[in-house]
Amino acid sequence: MTRIIAIGSLPAVIWLATGCTPTVIDTACQSFTPITYSASRDTPDTVLQVRRHNAAWDAICK
């Protein structure tokens, strides 16, 4: 049983030893920008949603 576990984990050990780790490229900050709104013409709910979106963008992208 121990031999089966050792053989079964061999691919994982080889994968880790070779440094083959997935690369993630996040392009969200290049693709999206803060949103503008009209405080006098947009609904309060729309203004709130835009402000939340812009705050998240600031936290992640600035």
Protein backbone atom coordinates (compact mmCIF):
# COMPACT_ATOMS: atom_id res chain seq x y z
CA MET A 1 0.00 0.00 0.00
CA THR A 2 2.83 2.42 0.83
CA ARG A 3 4.40 1.76 -2.55
CA ILE A 4 1.15 2.64 -4.34
CA ILE A 5 0.96 5.96 -2.47
CA ALA A 6 4.61 6.73 -3.26
CA ILE A 7 4.15 5.97 -6.96
CA GLY A 8 0.89 7.92 -7.06
CA SER A 9 2.52 11.03 -5.62
CA LEU A 10 5.52 10.91 -7.96
CA PRO A 11 3.99 13.17 -10.65
CA ALA A 12 3.23 15.83 -8.02
CA VAL A 13 6.81 15.71 -6.73
CA ILE A 14 8.21 16.02 -10.25
CA TRP A 15 5.84 18.90 -11.02
CA LEU A 16 6.90 20.77 -7.88
CA ALA A 17 10.60 20.03 -8.39
CA THR A 18 10.64 21.42 -11.93
CA GLY A 19 9.06 24.70 -10.90
CA CYS A 20 6.11 24.31 -13.25
CA THR A 21 3.65 26.53 -11.51
CA PRO A 22 0.77 28.18 -13.31
CA THR A 23 1.19 31.84 -14.13
CA VAL A 24 -1.80 34.13 -13.73
CA ILE A 25 -1.78 37.44 -15.57
CA ASP A 26 -4.34 39.87 -14.18
CA THR A 27 -5.16 42.54 -16.75
CA ALA A 28 -8.24 43.91 -14.98
CA CYS A 29 -6.50 47.13 -13.96
CA GLN A 30 -5.47 47.71 -17.57
CA SER A 31 -8.93 46.90 -18.94
CA PHE A 32 -11.19 48.76 -16.52
CA THR A 33 -11.21 52.28 -15.12
CA PRO A 34 -13.25 54.15 -12.53
CA ILE A 35 -16.81 55.00 -13.60
CA THR A 36 -18.19 58.53 -13.65
CA TYR A 37 -21.74 59.37 -12.62
CA SER A 38 -24.08 62.30 -12.21
CA ALA A 39 -25.02 62.91 -8.58
CA SER A 40 -28.01 64.96 -9.73
CA ARG A 41 -29.32 62.73 -12.54
CA ASP A 42 -28.49 59.18 -11.42
CA THR A 43 -30.51 57.37 -8.77
CA PRO A 44 -29.00 57.09 -5.29
CA ASP A 45 -28.68 53.31 -5.79
CA THR A 46 -26.72 53.81 -9.03
CA VAL A 47 -24.42 56.36 -7.36
CA LEU A 48 -23.83 53.92 -4.49
CA GLN A 49 -22.98 51.06 -6.85
CA VAL A 50 -20.60 53.25 -8.86
CA ARG A 51 -18.89 54.48 -5.69
CA ARG A 52 -18.45 50.87 -4.50
CA HIS A 53 -17.02 49.85 -7.86
CA ASN A 54 -14.62 52.80 -7.85
CA ALA A 55 -13.54 52.08 -4.25
CA ALA A 56 -12.77 48.46 -5.20
CA TRP A 57 -10.82 49.62 -8.25
CA ASP A 58 -8.83 52.06 -6.06
CA ALA A 59 -8.04 49.32 -3.54
CA ILE A 60 -6.85 46.87 -6.17
CA CYS A 61 -5.33 49.02 -8.89
CA LYS A 62 -3.78 52.07 -7.25
